[in-house]
Amino acid sequence: VSATRANANARSLVRARFGPQPQPTPPPHALVSPPNPPGDSDWQNMTILVDKPQKYTSFDVVARVRRMSRERGVKKVGHCGTLDPMATGLLILCTGKATKIVDTYQA
């Protein structure tokens, strides 16, 4: 009984000292439509430069663009390198026929 009570006291001290643990928050809605969105025919051969926010994976960004491109009849979307989920930076995406030139963007 005393060991259990000691563990409970230790846990309450940790909670009191460090406070409640914050819950993970979803990433902000960072992917928005441009002011002048491209037409449906532009999606057939397009290179998109995305400033990837933290907590989004490269796959999350590609999946979102793929969903938008499929609405316009384009099946292929590729990226020119993977960024760590905690990294921010430029993520280059290609759609449609532009996926064949991905190698020109990669070092």
N, C-alpha and C. Protein backbone atom coordinates (compact mmCIF):
# COMPACT_ATOMS: atom_id res chain seq x y z
N VAL A 1 0.83 -1.19 0.00
CA VAL A 1 0.00 0.00 0.00
C VAL A 1 0.87 1.25 0.00
N SER A 2 1.96 1.25 0.76
CA SER A 2 2.81 2.42 0.84
C SER A 2 3.55 2.67 -0.48
N ALA A 3 3.93 1.59 -1.20
CA ALA A 3 4.60 1.77 -2.49
C ALA A 3 3.64 2.38 -3.51
N THR A 4 2.41 1.95 -3.48
CA THR A 4 1.40 2.51 -4.39
C THR A 4 1.15 3.97 -4.08
N ARG A 5 1.08 4.28 -2.79
CA ARG A 5 0.86 5.66 -2.37
C ARG A 5 2.06 6.53 -2.77
N ALA A 6 3.28 5.99 -2.66
CA ALA A 6 4.48 6.73 -3.04
C ALA A 6 4.49 7.00 -4.54
N ASN A 7 4.08 6.02 -5.35
CA ASN A 7 4.00 6.22 -6.80
C ASN A 7 2.97 7.28 -7.15
N ALA A 8 1.83 7.25 -6.47
CA ALA A 8 0.79 8.25 -6.73
C ALA A 8 1.29 9.65 -6.36
N ASN A 9 2.01 9.75 -5.24
CA ASN A 9 2.56 11.04 -4.83
C ASN A 9 3.60 11.53 -5.84
N ALA A 10 4.43 10.63 -6.34
CA ALA A 10 5.44 11.01 -7.32
C ALA A 10 4.79 11.50 -8.61
N ARG A 11 3.73 10.84 -9.06
CA ARG A 11 3.01 11.27 -10.27
C ARG A 11 2.37 12.63 -10.07
N SER A 12 1.79 12.86 -8.90
CA SER A 12 1.15 14.16 -8.66
C SER A 12 2.19 15.27 -8.60
N LEU A 13 3.40 14.96 -8.08
CA LEU A 13 4.45 15.97 -8.06
C LEU A 13 4.92 16.31 -9.47
N VAL A 14 5.02 15.29 -10.31
CA VAL A 14 5.43 15.53 -11.69
C VAL A 14 4.39 16.38 -12.40
N ARG A 15 3.10 16.07 -12.21
CA ARG A 15 2.04 16.87 -12.83
C ARG A 15 2.06 18.30 -12.32
N ALA A 16 2.28 18.46 -11.01
CA ALA A 16 2.31 19.80 -10.43
C ALA A 16 3.51 20.59 -10.94
N ARG A 17 4.63 19.93 -11.12
CA ARG A 17 5.85 20.63 -11.53
C ARG A 17 5.83 20.99 -13.01
N PHE A 18 5.41 20.05 -13.86
CA PHE A 18 5.47 20.26 -15.30
C PHE A 18 4.12 20.65 -15.90
N GLY A 19 3.06 20.50 -15.15
CA GLY A 19 1.74 20.83 -15.68
C GLY A 19 1.23 19.73 -16.59
N PRO A 20 0.01 19.90 -17.07
CA PRO A 20 -0.55 18.88 -17.96
C PRO A 20 0.18 18.87 -19.29
N GLN A 21 0.30 17.70 -19.86
CA GLN A 21 0.98 17.56 -21.14
C GLN A 21 0.08 18.12 -22.24
N PRO A 22 0.63 18.96 -23.12
CA PRO A 22 -0.20 19.51 -24.19
C PRO A 22 -0.59 18.42 -25.19
N GLN A 23 -1.79 18.54 -25.70
CA GLN A 23 -2.27 17.60 -26.71
C GLN A 23 -1.71 18.04 -28.06
N PRO A 24 -1.35 17.08 -28.92
CA PRO A 24 -0.85 17.46 -30.23
C PRO A 24 -1.95 18.16 -31.03
N THR A 25 -1.59 19.23 -31.69
CA THR A 25 -2.56 19.96 -32.49
C THR A 25 -2.38 19.60 -33.95
N PRO A 26 -3.46 19.58 -34.69
CA PRO A 26 -3.32 19.29 -36.11
C PRO A 26 -2.58 20.44 -36.80
N PRO A 27 -1.94 20.16 -37.92
CA PRO A 27 -1.23 21.23 -38.61
C PRO A 27 -2.21 22.29 -39.10
N PRO A 28 -1.75 23.52 -39.21
CA PRO A 28 -2.64 24.58 -39.69
C PRO A 28 -3.02 24.34 -41.14
N HIS A 29 -4.12 24.94 -41.54
CA HIS A 29 -4.55 24.83 -42.93
C HIS A 29 -3.66 25.73 -43.76
N ALA A 30 -2.56 25.18 -44.22
CA ALA A 30 -1.55 25.97 -44.89
C ALA A 30 -1.63 25.88 -46.41
N LEU A 31 -2.29 24.85 -46.92
CA LEU A 31 -2.37 24.69 -48.36
C LEU A 31 -3.66 25.35 -48.85
N VAL A 32 -3.54 26.48 -49.45
CA VAL A 32 -4.69 27.23 -49.92
C VAL A 32 -4.60 27.41 -51.42
N SER A 33 -5.72 27.73 -52.03
CA SER A 33 -5.74 27.96 -53.47
C SER A 33 -5.06 29.28 -53.80
N PRO A 34 -4.36 29.35 -54.92
CA PRO A 34 -3.75 30.62 -55.32
C PRO A 34 -4.83 31.61 -55.73
N PRO A 35 -4.51 32.91 -55.75
CA PRO A 35 -5.52 33.91 -56.11
C PRO A 35 -6.05 33.72 -57.53
N ASN A 36 -5.19 33.33 -58.45
CA ASN A 36 -5.61 33.05 -59.82
C ASN A 36 -5.34 31.58 -60.10
N PRO A 37 -6.28 30.69 -59.75
CA PRO A 37 -6.00 29.26 -59.92
C PRO A 37 -5.82 28.89 -61.38
N PRO A 38 -4.97 27.90 -61.62
CA PRO A 38 -4.74 27.47 -63.01
C PRO A 38 -5.98 26.80 -63.58
N GLY A 39 -6.12 26.87 -64.89
CA GLY A 39 -7.23 26.22 -65.57
C GLY A 39 -7.02 24.72 -65.65
N ASP A 40 -8.07 24.02 -66.06
CA ASP A 40 -7.99 22.55 -66.13
C ASP A 40 -6.91 22.07 -67.09
N SER A 41 -6.70 22.77 -68.19
CA SER A 41 -5.69 22.33 -69.16
C SER A 41 -4.27 22.56 -68.62
N ASP A 42 -4.11 23.53 -67.72
CA ASP A 42 -2.78 23.78 -67.14
C ASP A 42 -2.31 22.62 -66.28
N TRP A 43 -3.22 21.88 -65.69
CA TRP A 43 -2.85 20.77 -64.81
C TRP A 43 -2.21 19.62 -65.56
N GLN A 44 -2.34 19.58 -66.89
CA GLN A 44 -1.78 18.49 -67.68
C GLN A 44 -0.25 18.53 -67.71
N ASN A 45 0.34 19.70 -67.49
CA ASN A 45 1.79 19.85 -67.57
C ASN A 45 2.17 21.03 -66.67
N MET A 46 2.32 20.78 -65.38
CA MET A 46 2.53 21.88 -64.45
C MET A 46 3.57 21.51 -63.41
N THR A 47 4.38 22.50 -63.03
CA THR A 47 5.31 22.37 -61.92
C THR A 47 4.83 23.30 -60.82
N ILE A 48 4.69 22.76 -59.61
CA ILE A 48 4.15 23.53 -58.49
C ILE A 48 5.23 23.64 -57.42
N LEU A 49 5.46 24.83 -56.93
CA LEU A 49 6.42 25.06 -55.85
C LEU A 49 5.62 25.28 -54.57
N VAL A 50 5.86 24.42 -53.58
CA VAL A 50 5.11 24.47 -52.33
C VAL A 50 6.07 24.77 -51.19
N ASP A 51 5.73 25.76 -50.36
CA ASP A 51 6.47 26.02 -49.14
C ASP A 51 5.87 25.11 -48.08
N LYS A 52 6.48 23.94 -47.87
CA LYS A 52 5.91 22.91 -46.99
C LYS A 52 5.98 23.36 -45.53
N PRO A 53 4.83 23.38 -44.85
CA PRO A 53 4.84 23.73 -43.43
C PRO A 53 5.26 22.55 -42.56
N GLN A 54 5.61 22.84 -41.31
CA GLN A 54 5.95 21.77 -40.36
C GLN A 54 4.74 20.87 -40.14
N LYS A 55 5.01 19.65 -39.75
CA LYS A 55 4.04 18.62 -39.39
C LYS A 55 3.30 18.03 -40.59
N TYR A 56 3.52 18.56 -41.80
CA TYR A 56 3.00 17.92 -43.00
C TYR A 56 4.12 17.06 -43.56
N THR A 57 3.79 15.86 -43.99
CA THR A 57 4.79 15.04 -44.68
C THR A 57 4.73 15.38 -46.16
N SER A 58 5.75 14.99 -46.89
CA SER A 58 5.73 15.21 -48.33
C SER A 58 4.56 14.45 -48.95
N PHE A 59 4.26 13.29 -48.40
CA PHE A 59 3.14 12.50 -48.92
C PHE A 59 1.82 13.22 -48.70
N ASP A 60 1.65 13.91 -47.56
CA ASP A 60 0.42 14.67 -47.31
C ASP A 60 0.21 15.74 -48.38
N VAL A 61 1.29 16.44 -48.72
CA VAL A 61 1.20 17.50 -49.72
C VAL A 61 0.88 16.91 -51.09
N VAL A 62 1.57 15.82 -51.46
CA VAL A 62 1.32 15.19 -52.75
C VAL A 62 -0.12 14.66 -52.82
N ALA A 63 -0.59 14.07 -51.73
CA ALA A 63 -1.96 13.53 -51.72
C ALA A 63 -2.98 14.64 -51.93
N ARG A 64 -2.74 15.78 -51.34
CA ARG A 64 -3.68 16.90 -51.49
C ARG A 64 -3.67 17.42 -52.93
N VAL A 65 -2.49 17.56 -53.51
CA VAL A 65 -2.41 18.02 -54.90
C VAL A 65 -2.97 16.96 -55.84
N ARG A 66 -2.72 15.68 -55.53
CA ARG A 66 -3.26 14.60 -56.36
C ARG A 66 -4.79 14.63 -56.37
N ARG A 67 -5.38 14.90 -55.22
CA ARG A 67 -6.85 14.98 -55.14
C ARG A 67 -7.36 16.13 -56.01
N MET A 68 -6.68 17.28 -55.96
CA MET A 68 -7.10 18.42 -56.79
C MET A 68 -6.89 18.13 -58.27
N SER A 69 -5.80 17.44 -58.61
CA SER A 69 -5.51 17.18 -60.02
C SER A 69 -6.45 16.13 -60.60
N ARG A 70 -6.84 15.17 -59.80
CA ARG A 70 -7.77 14.13 -60.31
C ARG A 70 -9.13 14.72 -60.66
N GLU A 71 -9.52 15.76 -59.95
CA GLU A 71 -10.78 16.45 -60.29
C GLU A 71 -10.69 17.07 -61.67
N ARG A 72 -9.48 17.30 -62.13
CA ARG A 72 -9.26 17.93 -63.43
C ARG A 72 -8.78 16.93 -64.48
N GLY A 73 -8.83 15.66 -64.17
CA GLY A 73 -8.50 14.62 -65.14
C GLY A 73 -7.03 14.25 -65.24
N VAL A 74 -6.20 14.67 -64.30
CA VAL A 74 -4.77 14.35 -64.32
C VAL A 74 -4.51 13.28 -63.27
N LYS A 75 -3.84 12.20 -63.66
CA LYS A 75 -3.61 11.09 -62.74
C LYS A 75 -2.25 11.14 -62.06
N LYS A 76 -1.23 11.68 -62.74
CA LYS A 76 0.13 11.61 -62.22
C LYS A 76 0.51 12.87 -61.46
N VAL A 77 1.05 12.67 -60.26
CA VAL A 77 1.64 13.74 -59.47
C VAL A 77 2.88 13.17 -58.83
N GLY A 78 3.99 13.88 -58.94
CA GLY A 78 5.24 13.43 -58.34
C GLY A 78 5.96 14.57 -57.66
N HIS A 79 6.85 14.22 -56.74
CA HIS A 79 7.64 15.25 -56.08
C HIS A 79 9.13 15.01 -56.32
N CYS A 80 9.90 16.07 -56.18
CA CYS A 80 11.32 16.03 -56.49
C CYS A 80 12.15 15.96 -55.22
N GLY A 81 11.86 15.02 -54.36
CA GLY A 81 12.61 14.87 -53.12
C GLY A 81 11.69 14.94 -51.92
N THR A 82 12.06 14.25 -50.88
CA THR A 82 11.25 14.17 -49.67
C THR A 82 11.82 15.07 -48.59
N LEU A 83 10.92 15.75 -47.87
CA LEU A 83 11.32 16.56 -46.73
C LEU A 83 10.82 15.90 -45.45
N ASP A 84 11.60 15.97 -44.41
CA ASP A 84 11.22 15.46 -43.10
C ASP A 84 9.95 16.17 -42.63
N PRO A 85 9.04 15.49 -41.90
CA PRO A 85 7.80 16.15 -41.46
C PRO A 85 8.04 17.41 -40.62
N MET A 86 9.12 17.46 -39.86
CA MET A 86 9.37 18.65 -39.05
C MET A 86 10.13 19.73 -39.82
N ALA A 87 10.55 19.42 -41.05
CA ALA A 87 11.29 20.40 -41.86
C ALA A 87 10.33 21.28 -42.63
N THR A 88 10.73 22.50 -42.84
CA THR A 88 9.99 23.39 -43.72
C THR A 88 10.89 23.69 -44.90
N GLY A 89 10.29 24.04 -45.99
CA GLY A 89 11.11 24.36 -47.15
C GLY A 89 10.37 24.13 -48.45
N LEU A 90 11.10 24.26 -49.53
CA LEU A 90 10.53 24.15 -50.86
C LEU A 90 10.36 22.69 -51.25
N LEU A 91 9.15 22.35 -51.64
CA LEU A 91 8.84 21.02 -52.15
C LEU A 91 8.35 21.21 -53.57
N ILE A 92 9.05 20.62 -54.53
CA ILE A 92 8.72 20.78 -55.94
C ILE A 92 7.84 19.62 -56.36
N LEU A 93 6.66 19.93 -56.90
CA LEU A 93 5.72 18.93 -57.38
C LEU A 93 5.53 19.10 -58.87
N CYS A 94 5.34 18.00 -59.57
CA CYS A 94 5.07 18.02 -61.00
C CYS A 94 3.80 17.23 -61.27
N THR A 95 2.98 17.70 -62.21
CA THR A 95 1.74 17.01 -62.54
C THR A 95 1.75 16.65 -64.02
N GLY A 96 1.02 15.59 -64.34
CA GLY A 96 0.85 15.18 -65.72
C GLY A 96 2.15 14.87 -66.42
N LYS A 97 2.32 15.44 -67.61
CA LYS A 97 3.51 15.17 -68.41
C LYS A 97 4.77 15.76 -67.80
N ALA A 98 4.63 16.72 -66.90
CA ALA A 98 5.81 17.33 -66.26
C ALA A 98 6.50 16.34 -65.32
N THR A 99 5.86 15.23 -64.97
CA THR A 99 6.52 14.25 -64.10
C THR A 99 7.72 13.61 -64.78
N LYS A 100 7.79 13.71 -66.12
CA LYS A 100 8.93 13.12 -66.84
C LYS A 100 10.19 13.96 -66.71
N ILE A 101 10.06 15.20 -66.25
CA ILE A 101 11.24 16.07 -66.12
C ILE A 101 11.66 16.24 -64.66
N VAL A 102 11.16 15.39 -63.78
CA VAL A 102 11.50 15.46 -62.36
C VAL A 102 13.01 15.38 -62.17
N ASP A 103 13.71 14.56 -62.96
CA ASP A 103 15.16 14.40 -62.82
C ASP A 103 15.92 15.69 -63.03
N THR A 104 15.39 16.60 -63.82
CA THR A 104 16.08 17.87 -64.05
C THR A 104 16.09 18.75 -62.81
N TYR A 105 15.14 18.56 -61.92
CA TYR A 105 15.06 19.35 -60.69
C TYR A 105 15.87 18.75 -59.55
N GLN A 106 16.16 17.46 -59.63
CA GLN A 106 16.87 16.78 -58.55
C GLN A 106 18.38 16.92 -58.74
N ALA A 107 19.07 17.03 -57.62
CA ALA A 107 20.53 17.16 -57.71
C ALA A 107 21.21 15.81 -57.74
